[in-house]
N, C-alpha and C. Protein backbone atom coordinates (compact mmCIF):
# COMPACT_ATOMS: atom_id res chain seq x y z
N MET A 1 6.05 2.27 -2.40
CA MET A 1 5.39 1.05 -2.81
C MET A 1 5.33 0.03 -1.67
N ALA A 2 6.39 -0.02 -0.87
CA ALA A 2 6.40 -0.96 0.26
C ALA A 2 5.29 -0.60 1.25
N PHE A 3 5.04 0.70 1.40
CA PHE A 3 3.98 1.15 2.30
C PHE A 3 2.63 0.59 1.85
N LEU A 4 2.37 0.63 0.55
CA LEU A 4 1.10 0.12 0.03
C LEU A 4 0.96 -1.38 0.23
N ARG A 5 2.05 -2.11 0.06
CA ARG A 5 2.00 -3.56 0.28
C ARG A 5 1.73 -3.87 1.75
N THR A 6 2.38 -3.12 2.63
CA THR A 6 2.16 -3.31 4.06
C THR A 6 0.71 -2.98 4.43
N TRP A 7 0.21 -1.87 3.91
CA TRP A 7 -1.17 -1.47 4.19
C TRP A 7 -2.16 -2.50 3.65
N GLU A 8 -1.90 -3.01 2.44
CA GLU A 8 -2.78 -4.02 1.84
C GLU A 8 -2.78 -5.30 2.67
N ARG A 9 -1.60 -5.73 3.12
CA ARG A 9 -1.49 -6.94 3.94
C ARG A 9 -2.26 -6.76 5.26
N ARG A 10 -2.08 -5.60 5.87
CA ARG A 10 -2.76 -5.33 7.14
C ARG A 10 -4.28 -5.28 6.95
N LEU A 11 -4.72 -4.60 5.91
CA LEU A 11 -6.15 -4.49 5.63
C LEU A 11 -6.78 -5.86 5.37
N THR A 12 -6.07 -6.71 4.65
CA THR A 12 -6.55 -8.06 4.38
C THR A 12 -6.67 -8.86 5.67
N ALA A 13 -5.66 -8.75 6.53
CA ALA A 13 -5.69 -9.48 7.80
C ALA A 13 -6.85 -9.01 8.67
N VAL A 14 -7.04 -7.71 8.76
CA VAL A 14 -8.13 -7.16 9.57
C VAL A 14 -9.48 -7.56 8.98
N ALA A 15 -9.60 -7.49 7.65
CA ALA A 15 -10.87 -7.85 7.00
C ALA A 15 -11.21 -9.32 7.23
N GLY A 16 -10.20 -10.16 7.37
CA GLY A 16 -10.46 -11.57 7.66
C GLY A 16 -10.79 -11.83 9.11
N LEU A 17 -10.17 -11.07 10.01
CA LEU A 17 -10.36 -11.29 11.44
C LEU A 17 -11.62 -10.63 11.98
N LEU A 18 -11.97 -9.47 11.48
CA LEU A 18 -13.07 -8.69 12.04
C LEU A 18 -14.40 -9.45 12.06
N PRO A 19 -14.84 -10.08 10.97
CA PRO A 19 -16.12 -10.81 11.04
C PRO A 19 -16.07 -12.00 11.99
N VAL A 20 -14.91 -12.62 12.10
CA VAL A 20 -14.77 -13.74 13.05
C VAL A 20 -14.90 -13.21 14.47
N ALA A 21 -14.26 -12.07 14.75
CA ALA A 21 -14.33 -11.47 16.08
C ALA A 21 -15.76 -11.05 16.43
N VAL A 22 -16.47 -10.49 15.47
CA VAL A 22 -17.87 -10.10 15.69
C VAL A 22 -18.70 -11.35 16.00
N ALA A 23 -18.48 -12.42 15.25
CA ALA A 23 -19.21 -13.67 15.49
C ALA A 23 -18.89 -14.25 16.87
N VAL A 24 -17.63 -14.18 17.28
CA VAL A 24 -17.24 -14.67 18.61
C VAL A 24 -17.94 -13.84 19.68
N ASN A 25 -17.90 -12.52 19.54
CA ASN A 25 -18.57 -11.65 20.52
C ASN A 25 -20.05 -12.00 20.66
N ILE A 26 -20.72 -12.10 19.53
CA ILE A 26 -22.16 -12.38 19.55
C ILE A 26 -22.44 -13.79 20.05
N GLY A 27 -21.70 -14.76 19.55
CA GLY A 27 -21.93 -16.16 19.93
C GLY A 27 -21.72 -16.42 21.40
N VAL A 28 -20.57 -16.01 21.91
CA VAL A 28 -20.27 -16.23 23.33
C VAL A 28 -21.19 -15.37 24.19
N GLY A 29 -21.38 -14.12 23.80
CA GLY A 29 -22.27 -13.23 24.57
C GLY A 29 -23.69 -13.75 24.65
N GLU A 30 -24.18 -14.30 23.56
CA GLU A 30 -25.56 -14.83 23.54
C GLU A 30 -25.68 -16.08 24.41
N VAL A 31 -24.69 -16.96 24.36
CA VAL A 31 -24.71 -18.16 25.20
C VAL A 31 -24.71 -17.77 26.67
N VAL A 32 -23.83 -16.84 27.04
CA VAL A 32 -23.75 -16.38 28.44
C VAL A 32 -25.07 -15.73 28.85
N ALA A 33 -25.65 -14.92 27.98
CA ALA A 33 -26.93 -14.25 28.30
C ALA A 33 -28.05 -15.27 28.47
N ARG A 34 -28.11 -16.26 27.60
CA ARG A 34 -29.18 -17.27 27.70
C ARG A 34 -29.02 -18.14 28.94
N LEU A 35 -27.78 -18.34 29.38
CA LEU A 35 -27.54 -19.11 30.60
C LEU A 35 -27.76 -18.26 31.85
N GLN A 36 -28.04 -16.96 31.66
CA GLN A 36 -28.29 -16.03 32.76
C GLN A 36 -27.12 -15.96 33.74
N LEU A 37 -25.90 -16.03 33.22
CA LEU A 37 -24.71 -15.91 34.07
C LEU A 37 -24.50 -14.44 34.42
N PRO A 38 -23.93 -14.17 35.58
CA PRO A 38 -23.70 -12.77 35.97
C PRO A 38 -22.42 -12.19 35.35
N LEU A 39 -22.19 -12.50 34.08
CA LEU A 39 -21.05 -12.00 33.31
C LEU A 39 -21.56 -11.61 31.93
N TYR A 40 -20.65 -11.16 31.08
CA TYR A 40 -21.01 -10.83 29.70
C TYR A 40 -20.20 -11.69 28.72
N LEU A 41 -18.89 -11.63 28.82
CA LEU A 41 -17.96 -12.33 27.92
C LEU A 41 -18.26 -12.07 26.45
N ASP A 42 -18.78 -10.88 26.18
CA ASP A 42 -19.16 -10.51 24.81
C ASP A 42 -18.15 -9.59 24.14
N SER A 43 -16.95 -9.49 24.71
CA SER A 43 -15.95 -8.61 24.11
C SER A 43 -14.61 -9.29 23.87
N VAL A 44 -14.58 -10.61 23.89
CA VAL A 44 -13.33 -11.34 23.64
C VAL A 44 -12.81 -11.00 22.24
N GLY A 45 -13.69 -11.03 21.25
CA GLY A 45 -13.28 -10.70 19.88
C GLY A 45 -12.81 -9.26 19.75
N THR A 46 -13.48 -8.35 20.41
CA THR A 46 -13.10 -6.94 20.37
C THR A 46 -11.71 -6.74 20.95
N VAL A 47 -11.46 -7.33 22.10
CA VAL A 47 -10.15 -7.17 22.75
C VAL A 47 -9.06 -7.84 21.92
N LEU A 48 -9.36 -8.98 21.33
CA LEU A 48 -8.38 -9.66 20.48
C LEU A 48 -8.02 -8.80 19.26
N VAL A 49 -9.01 -8.26 18.58
CA VAL A 49 -8.74 -7.40 17.42
C VAL A 49 -7.96 -6.16 17.86
N ALA A 50 -8.34 -5.57 18.97
CA ALA A 50 -7.64 -4.38 19.47
C ALA A 50 -6.18 -4.71 19.79
N ALA A 51 -5.95 -5.89 20.37
CA ALA A 51 -4.58 -6.29 20.71
C ALA A 51 -3.74 -6.51 19.46
N LEU A 52 -4.34 -7.03 18.42
CA LEU A 52 -3.61 -7.32 17.18
C LEU A 52 -3.52 -6.13 16.24
N ALA A 53 -4.60 -5.37 16.10
CA ALA A 53 -4.67 -4.36 15.04
C ALA A 53 -4.81 -2.93 15.54
N GLY A 54 -4.90 -2.73 16.85
CA GLY A 54 -4.92 -1.38 17.37
C GLY A 54 -6.28 -0.91 17.87
N PRO A 55 -6.26 0.25 18.54
CA PRO A 55 -7.46 0.73 19.22
C PRO A 55 -8.63 1.08 18.30
N TRP A 56 -8.35 1.68 17.15
CA TRP A 56 -9.46 2.09 16.27
C TRP A 56 -10.16 0.88 15.66
N THR A 57 -9.38 -0.13 15.33
CA THR A 57 -9.97 -1.35 14.79
C THR A 57 -10.76 -2.06 15.88
N GLY A 58 -10.26 -2.03 17.11
CA GLY A 58 -11.01 -2.58 18.24
C GLY A 58 -12.31 -1.85 18.46
N LEU A 59 -12.27 -0.53 18.34
CA LEU A 59 -13.48 0.28 18.49
C LEU A 59 -14.52 -0.12 17.45
N VAL A 60 -14.11 -0.23 16.20
CA VAL A 60 -15.03 -0.61 15.12
C VAL A 60 -15.61 -2.00 15.37
N THR A 61 -14.76 -2.93 15.80
CA THR A 61 -15.23 -4.29 16.08
C THR A 61 -16.29 -4.30 17.17
N GLY A 62 -16.05 -3.55 18.24
CA GLY A 62 -17.02 -3.48 19.33
C GLY A 62 -18.35 -2.91 18.89
N VAL A 63 -18.30 -1.80 18.16
CA VAL A 63 -19.54 -1.16 17.70
C VAL A 63 -20.31 -2.10 16.77
N LEU A 64 -19.62 -2.67 15.78
CA LEU A 64 -20.29 -3.58 14.85
C LEU A 64 -20.90 -4.78 15.57
N SER A 65 -20.17 -5.32 16.53
CA SER A 65 -20.68 -6.48 17.28
C SER A 65 -22.01 -6.16 17.95
N ASN A 66 -22.06 -5.06 18.66
CA ASN A 66 -23.28 -4.74 19.40
C ASN A 66 -24.43 -4.33 18.50
N LEU A 67 -24.12 -3.63 17.42
CA LEU A 67 -25.20 -3.25 16.50
C LEU A 67 -25.78 -4.47 15.78
N VAL A 68 -24.92 -5.36 15.31
CA VAL A 68 -25.40 -6.58 14.63
C VAL A 68 -26.15 -7.46 15.62
N TRP A 69 -25.59 -7.64 16.81
CA TRP A 69 -26.24 -8.45 17.85
C TRP A 69 -27.61 -7.87 18.19
N GLY A 70 -27.66 -6.54 18.32
CA GLY A 70 -28.92 -5.88 18.62
C GLY A 70 -29.96 -6.05 17.53
N LEU A 71 -29.52 -6.03 16.28
CA LEU A 71 -30.44 -6.20 15.16
C LEU A 71 -30.91 -7.64 14.99
N LEU A 72 -30.03 -8.59 15.24
CA LEU A 72 -30.35 -9.99 14.97
C LEU A 72 -30.99 -10.74 16.13
N LEU A 73 -30.48 -10.54 17.33
CA LEU A 73 -30.88 -11.42 18.44
C LEU A 73 -31.32 -10.72 19.71
N ARG A 74 -30.64 -9.68 20.09
CA ARG A 74 -30.84 -9.11 21.42
C ARG A 74 -30.88 -7.59 21.32
N PRO A 75 -32.06 -7.01 21.17
CA PRO A 75 -32.17 -5.56 21.01
C PRO A 75 -31.51 -4.75 22.12
N THR A 76 -31.42 -5.31 23.31
CA THR A 76 -30.79 -4.58 24.42
C THR A 76 -29.29 -4.39 24.21
N ALA A 77 -28.68 -5.11 23.28
CA ALA A 77 -27.23 -4.99 23.05
C ALA A 77 -26.87 -3.71 22.31
N ALA A 78 -27.75 -3.22 21.45
CA ALA A 78 -27.41 -2.09 20.58
C ALA A 78 -27.00 -0.82 21.34
N PRO A 79 -27.72 -0.38 22.36
CA PRO A 79 -27.29 0.84 23.06
C PRO A 79 -25.91 0.71 23.72
N PHE A 80 -25.50 -0.50 24.00
CA PHE A 80 -24.20 -0.71 24.63
C PHE A 80 -23.06 -0.71 23.61
N ALA A 81 -23.37 -0.35 22.36
CA ALA A 81 -22.31 -0.19 21.35
C ALA A 81 -21.32 0.88 21.79
N VAL A 82 -21.81 1.86 22.54
CA VAL A 82 -20.93 2.90 23.09
C VAL A 82 -19.91 2.27 24.03
N THR A 83 -20.37 1.41 24.91
CA THR A 83 -19.47 0.72 25.84
C THR A 83 -18.50 -0.16 25.07
N ALA A 84 -18.99 -0.88 24.08
CA ALA A 84 -18.14 -1.76 23.28
C ALA A 84 -17.06 -0.97 22.56
N ALA A 85 -17.41 0.23 22.09
CA ALA A 85 -16.42 1.10 21.44
C ALA A 85 -15.32 1.49 22.42
N VAL A 86 -15.71 1.86 23.63
CA VAL A 86 -14.73 2.25 24.64
C VAL A 86 -13.85 1.06 25.02
N ILE A 87 -14.43 -0.12 25.14
CA ILE A 87 -13.64 -1.32 25.45
C ILE A 87 -12.61 -1.56 24.35
N GLY A 88 -13.02 -1.46 23.09
CA GLY A 88 -12.08 -1.65 21.98
C GLY A 88 -10.97 -0.61 22.00
N LEU A 89 -11.33 0.64 22.22
CA LEU A 89 -10.35 1.72 22.25
C LEU A 89 -9.36 1.55 23.40
N VAL A 90 -9.87 1.34 24.61
CA VAL A 90 -9.02 1.21 25.79
C VAL A 90 -8.12 -0.02 25.68
N SER A 91 -8.68 -1.14 25.27
CA SER A 91 -7.87 -2.36 25.19
C SER A 91 -6.79 -2.23 24.12
N GLY A 92 -7.09 -1.54 23.02
CA GLY A 92 -6.07 -1.31 21.99
C GLY A 92 -4.95 -0.41 22.49
N LEU A 93 -5.32 0.64 23.22
CA LEU A 93 -4.30 1.53 23.80
C LEU A 93 -3.44 0.79 24.81
N LEU A 94 -4.07 -0.03 25.64
CA LEU A 94 -3.31 -0.81 26.62
C LEU A 94 -2.42 -1.84 25.95
N ALA A 95 -2.91 -2.44 24.88
CA ALA A 95 -2.09 -3.42 24.14
C ALA A 95 -0.84 -2.75 23.59
N GLY A 96 -0.99 -1.52 23.12
CA GLY A 96 0.16 -0.76 22.61
C GLY A 96 1.18 -0.46 23.69
N ARG A 97 0.75 -0.51 24.93
CA ARG A 97 1.65 -0.29 26.06
C ARG A 97 2.16 -1.60 26.67
N GLY A 98 1.89 -2.71 25.99
CA GLY A 98 2.45 -3.99 26.41
C GLY A 98 1.66 -4.78 27.43
N VAL A 99 0.37 -4.49 27.57
CA VAL A 99 -0.43 -5.14 28.60
C VAL A 99 -0.55 -6.65 28.38
N PHE A 100 -0.39 -7.11 27.15
CA PHE A 100 -0.51 -8.55 26.89
C PHE A 100 0.84 -9.26 26.93
N GLY A 101 1.86 -8.60 27.49
CA GLY A 101 3.18 -9.20 27.60
C GLY A 101 3.32 -10.19 28.74
N ALA A 102 2.46 -10.11 29.72
CA ALA A 102 2.50 -11.03 30.88
C ALA A 102 1.08 -11.18 31.40
N TRP A 103 0.80 -12.34 32.01
CA TRP A 103 -0.56 -12.61 32.47
C TRP A 103 -1.03 -11.58 33.50
N TRP A 104 -0.13 -11.16 34.39
CA TRP A 104 -0.54 -10.23 35.43
C TRP A 104 -0.80 -8.83 34.86
N LYS A 105 -0.09 -8.47 33.80
CA LYS A 105 -0.38 -7.20 33.13
C LYS A 105 -1.75 -7.27 32.45
N ALA A 106 -2.03 -8.41 31.84
CA ALA A 106 -3.34 -8.59 31.21
C ALA A 106 -4.45 -8.51 32.25
N LEU A 107 -4.22 -9.12 33.41
CA LEU A 107 -5.20 -9.07 34.49
C LEU A 107 -5.46 -7.62 34.92
N LEU A 108 -4.38 -6.87 35.14
CA LEU A 108 -4.53 -5.46 35.54
C LEU A 108 -5.20 -4.64 34.44
N GLY A 109 -4.83 -4.90 33.19
CA GLY A 109 -5.47 -4.21 32.07
C GLY A 109 -6.95 -4.51 31.99
N GLY A 110 -7.31 -5.76 32.25
CA GLY A 110 -8.71 -6.15 32.26
C GLY A 110 -9.48 -5.47 33.39
N LEU A 111 -8.87 -5.38 34.55
CA LEU A 111 -9.52 -4.70 35.67
C LEU A 111 -9.75 -3.22 35.36
N PHE A 112 -8.74 -2.59 34.79
CA PHE A 112 -8.87 -1.17 34.42
C PHE A 112 -9.97 -0.98 33.37
N THR A 113 -9.93 -1.82 32.34
CA THR A 113 -10.94 -1.73 31.28
C THR A 113 -12.33 -2.00 31.84
N GLY A 114 -12.43 -2.94 32.77
CA GLY A 114 -13.71 -3.23 33.41
C GLY A 114 -14.27 -2.04 34.17
N LEU A 115 -13.39 -1.33 34.85
CA LEU A 115 -13.83 -0.14 35.59
C LEU A 115 -14.33 0.94 34.63
N VAL A 116 -13.60 1.15 33.56
CA VAL A 116 -14.02 2.14 32.56
C VAL A 116 -15.35 1.72 31.93
N ALA A 117 -15.47 0.44 31.58
CA ALA A 117 -16.71 -0.07 30.96
C ALA A 117 -17.89 0.09 31.91
N ALA A 118 -17.67 -0.14 33.19
CA ALA A 118 -18.76 -0.01 34.18
C ALA A 118 -19.26 1.42 34.25
N VAL A 119 -18.35 2.36 34.26
CA VAL A 119 -18.73 3.77 34.34
C VAL A 119 -19.49 4.21 33.09
N VAL A 120 -19.10 3.68 31.93
CA VAL A 120 -19.78 4.04 30.68
C VAL A 120 -21.14 3.36 30.57
N SER A 121 -21.21 2.09 30.97
CA SER A 121 -22.44 1.32 30.74
C SER A 121 -23.52 1.53 31.80
N ALA A 122 -23.15 1.91 33.01
CA ALA A 122 -24.14 2.05 34.08
C ALA A 122 -25.25 3.06 33.74
N PRO A 123 -24.93 4.25 33.25
CA PRO A 123 -26.02 5.17 32.90
C PRO A 123 -26.92 4.64 31.78
N ILE A 124 -26.34 3.90 30.84
CA ILE A 124 -27.16 3.31 29.77
C ILE A 124 -28.14 2.31 30.36
N ALA A 125 -27.62 1.40 31.20
CA ALA A 125 -28.49 0.39 31.81
C ALA A 125 -29.54 1.02 32.71
N ALA A 126 -29.15 2.05 33.45
CA ALA A 126 -30.08 2.67 34.39
C ALA A 126 -31.15 3.49 33.69
N TYR A 127 -30.74 4.36 32.76
CA TYR A 127 -31.69 5.32 32.19
C TYR A 127 -32.38 4.84 30.92
N VAL A 128 -31.75 3.94 30.17
CA VAL A 128 -32.41 3.42 28.96
C VAL A 128 -33.28 2.22 29.31
N PHE A 129 -32.80 1.38 30.24
CA PHE A 129 -33.50 0.13 30.54
C PHE A 129 -34.05 0.05 31.97
N GLY A 130 -33.93 1.09 32.75
CA GLY A 130 -34.43 1.06 34.11
C GLY A 130 -33.71 0.05 34.99
N GLY A 131 -32.48 -0.29 34.61
CA GLY A 131 -31.67 -1.22 35.39
C GLY A 131 -31.90 -2.68 35.06
N VAL A 132 -32.85 -2.98 34.16
CA VAL A 132 -33.18 -4.37 33.82
C VAL A 132 -32.89 -4.59 32.33
N THR A 133 -31.83 -5.36 32.05
CA THR A 133 -31.43 -5.59 30.65
C THR A 133 -31.62 -7.03 30.21
N GLY A 134 -32.07 -7.89 31.11
CA GLY A 134 -32.34 -9.28 30.74
C GLY A 134 -31.21 -10.24 30.98
N GLY A 135 -30.19 -9.84 31.70
CA GLY A 135 -29.06 -10.72 31.98
C GLY A 135 -29.10 -11.26 33.40
N GLY A 136 -28.21 -12.19 33.69
CA GLY A 136 -28.14 -12.79 35.01
C GLY A 136 -27.73 -11.81 36.09
N TYR A 137 -27.14 -10.71 35.69
CA TYR A 137 -26.70 -9.68 36.63
C TYR A 137 -27.86 -8.81 37.11
N ASP A 138 -29.04 -8.92 36.48
CA ASP A 138 -30.21 -8.15 36.93
C ASP A 138 -30.60 -8.49 38.36
N LEU A 139 -30.33 -9.71 38.78
CA LEU A 139 -30.61 -10.11 40.16
C LEU A 139 -29.79 -9.28 41.14
N ILE A 140 -28.55 -9.00 40.78
CA ILE A 140 -27.69 -8.18 41.63
C ILE A 140 -28.29 -6.79 41.77
N VAL A 141 -28.74 -6.22 40.67
CA VAL A 141 -29.37 -4.89 40.70
C VAL A 141 -30.61 -4.92 41.59
N ALA A 142 -31.44 -5.94 41.44
CA ALA A 142 -32.66 -6.06 42.25
C ALA A 142 -32.33 -6.14 43.74
N LEU A 143 -31.32 -6.91 44.09
CA LEU A 143 -30.92 -7.03 45.50
C LEU A 143 -30.41 -5.70 46.04
N LEU A 144 -29.64 -4.98 45.24
CA LEU A 144 -29.12 -3.68 45.68
C LEU A 144 -30.25 -2.65 45.82
N LEU A 145 -31.20 -2.69 44.90
CA LEU A 145 -32.36 -1.79 45.01
C LEU A 145 -33.18 -2.12 46.26
N ALA A 146 -33.37 -3.41 46.51
CA ALA A 146 -34.11 -3.83 47.71
C ALA A 146 -33.38 -3.43 48.98
N GLY A 147 -32.05 -3.34 48.88
CA GLY A 147 -31.24 -2.93 50.03
C GLY A 147 -31.22 -1.43 50.25
N GLY A 148 -31.89 -0.67 49.39
CA GLY A 148 -32.02 0.76 49.61
C GLY A 148 -31.20 1.65 48.69
N GLN A 149 -30.41 1.08 47.79
CA GLN A 149 -29.65 1.92 46.87
C GLN A 149 -30.57 2.52 45.82
N GLY A 150 -30.19 3.68 45.32
CA GLY A 150 -30.91 4.29 44.20
C GLY A 150 -30.59 3.54 42.92
N LEU A 151 -31.34 3.83 41.86
CA LEU A 151 -31.20 3.09 40.61
C LEU A 151 -29.79 3.19 40.03
N LEU A 152 -29.29 4.40 39.82
CA LEU A 152 -27.96 4.55 39.23
C LEU A 152 -26.89 3.95 40.12
N GLU A 153 -27.01 4.16 41.42
CA GLU A 153 -26.04 3.61 42.37
C GLU A 153 -26.04 2.08 42.32
N ALA A 154 -27.22 1.48 42.28
CA ALA A 154 -27.33 0.01 42.22
C ALA A 154 -26.75 -0.53 40.92
N VAL A 155 -27.07 0.11 39.81
CA VAL A 155 -26.57 -0.35 38.51
C VAL A 155 -25.06 -0.15 38.43
N LEU A 156 -24.55 0.97 38.93
CA LEU A 156 -23.11 1.21 38.91
C LEU A 156 -22.38 0.19 39.78
N THR A 157 -22.91 -0.10 40.96
CA THR A 157 -22.30 -1.11 41.83
C THR A 157 -22.27 -2.46 41.14
N GLN A 158 -23.40 -2.86 40.56
CA GLN A 158 -23.46 -4.13 39.82
C GLN A 158 -22.49 -4.12 38.66
N SER A 159 -22.44 -3.02 37.92
CA SER A 159 -21.55 -2.93 36.76
C SER A 159 -20.09 -3.06 37.17
N ILE A 160 -19.72 -2.41 38.25
CA ILE A 160 -18.33 -2.50 38.71
C ILE A 160 -18.00 -3.93 39.10
N LEU A 161 -18.87 -4.54 39.90
CA LEU A 161 -18.62 -5.93 40.32
C LEU A 161 -18.52 -6.87 39.12
N THR A 162 -19.45 -6.75 38.22
CA THR A 162 -19.52 -7.66 37.08
C THR A 162 -18.43 -7.37 36.05
N ASP A 163 -18.26 -6.10 35.70
CA ASP A 163 -17.29 -5.75 34.65
C ASP A 163 -15.85 -6.00 35.07
N LEU A 164 -15.52 -5.79 36.33
CA LEU A 164 -14.15 -6.07 36.77
C LEU A 164 -13.80 -7.54 36.52
N VAL A 165 -14.67 -8.42 36.94
CA VAL A 165 -14.43 -9.86 36.76
C VAL A 165 -14.48 -10.22 35.28
N ASP A 166 -15.49 -9.71 34.59
CA ASP A 166 -15.69 -10.04 33.18
C ASP A 166 -14.50 -9.62 32.32
N LYS A 167 -14.06 -8.39 32.46
CA LYS A 167 -12.96 -7.91 31.61
C LYS A 167 -11.63 -8.50 32.03
N ALA A 168 -11.43 -8.78 33.31
CA ALA A 168 -10.21 -9.46 33.73
C ALA A 168 -10.15 -10.84 33.08
N LEU A 169 -11.26 -11.55 33.11
CA LEU A 169 -11.32 -12.87 32.47
C LEU A 169 -11.14 -12.76 30.95
N THR A 170 -11.76 -11.78 30.34
CA THR A 170 -11.63 -11.55 28.90
C THR A 170 -10.17 -11.29 28.52
N PHE A 171 -9.50 -10.43 29.26
CA PHE A 171 -8.10 -10.12 28.96
C PHE A 171 -7.21 -11.34 29.16
N LEU A 172 -7.49 -12.14 30.17
CA LEU A 172 -6.70 -13.36 30.37
C LEU A 172 -6.92 -14.37 29.25
N ILE A 173 -8.14 -14.46 28.75
CA ILE A 173 -8.43 -15.35 27.62
C ILE A 173 -7.65 -14.88 26.39
N VAL A 174 -7.69 -13.59 26.12
CA VAL A 174 -6.96 -13.05 24.96
C VAL A 174 -5.46 -13.22 25.15
N TRP A 175 -4.94 -12.97 26.35
CA TRP A 175 -3.52 -13.18 26.63
C TRP A 175 -3.13 -14.62 26.33
N ALA A 176 -3.92 -15.58 26.82
CA ALA A 176 -3.62 -17.00 26.59
C ALA A 176 -3.64 -17.32 25.10
N PHE A 177 -4.58 -16.75 24.38
CA PHE A 177 -4.65 -16.97 22.94
C PHE A 177 -3.41 -16.41 22.25
N LEU A 178 -3.03 -15.20 22.61
CA LEU A 178 -1.87 -14.56 21.98
C LEU A 178 -0.58 -15.31 22.26
N GLN A 179 -0.50 -15.98 23.40
CA GLN A 179 0.70 -16.75 23.73
C GLN A 179 0.84 -17.99 22.87
N ASN A 180 -0.25 -18.40 22.26
CA ASN A 180 -0.26 -19.67 21.53
C ASN A 180 -0.43 -19.54 20.03
N ILE A 181 -0.26 -18.34 19.50
CA ILE A 181 -0.29 -18.21 18.05
C ILE A 181 1.12 -17.91 17.55
N PRO A 182 1.45 -18.34 16.35
CA PRO A 182 2.81 -18.14 15.83
C PRO A 182 3.15 -16.66 15.69
N PRO A 183 4.39 -16.29 16.01
CA PRO A 183 4.81 -14.88 15.91
C PRO A 183 4.61 -14.29 14.51
N ARG A 184 4.74 -15.12 13.47
CA ARG A 184 4.58 -14.60 12.10
C ARG A 184 3.16 -14.08 11.86
N TYR A 185 2.21 -14.58 12.64
CA TYR A 185 0.83 -14.10 12.50
C TYR A 185 0.72 -12.63 12.87
N PHE A 186 1.49 -12.21 13.88
CA PHE A 186 1.46 -10.81 14.32
C PHE A 186 1.92 -9.86 13.22
N GLU A 187 2.85 -10.33 12.38
CA GLU A 187 3.40 -9.48 11.32
C GLU A 187 2.32 -9.02 10.33
N ARG A 188 1.27 -9.79 10.19
CA ARG A 188 0.20 -9.41 9.27
C ARG A 188 -0.50 -8.13 9.70
N PHE A 189 -0.40 -7.81 10.97
CA PHE A 189 -1.10 -6.64 11.52
C PHE A 189 -0.18 -5.45 11.73
N ARG A 190 1.09 -5.59 11.40
CA ARG A 190 2.06 -4.50 11.62
C ARG A 190 2.25 -3.68 10.38
């Protein structure tokens, strides 16, 4: 019976947090995209959910975020649901290994996740969108193409540069948030 109460408490906490995380991902991601910044910042909610509730919940949050965002505002977001899933999964696995225990661990976790995200997203950006997805980072791709790089090479280079910074910043934001919430809040997800 205690197991059922624990499961019910956890499910309620996740059900309350997940739509907020999706809204944060879409809201912040859309603002950054409209400002044409060379970042994404569209996975803060995904990483937060993964840190609190685990990798599978992070995966679901990432996928839902990109699919809803793609349907409502930015069609180019939907194919990157694969990348968002990987970000949720990897950040949840890293959280389970204590990556959010110190700022420097969060930074390293963000860099690692950024590298993985770049490798997953580059072929999508290159082959689905021809390297042009409508973000501020498209200028980087154009400069690399003008410099003689091939399409996949240019998109991968841009993705690595952008995702390393983006995910490091995302992980530091989540780390700072986790440092400032009451410990009893964590119990809802255990």
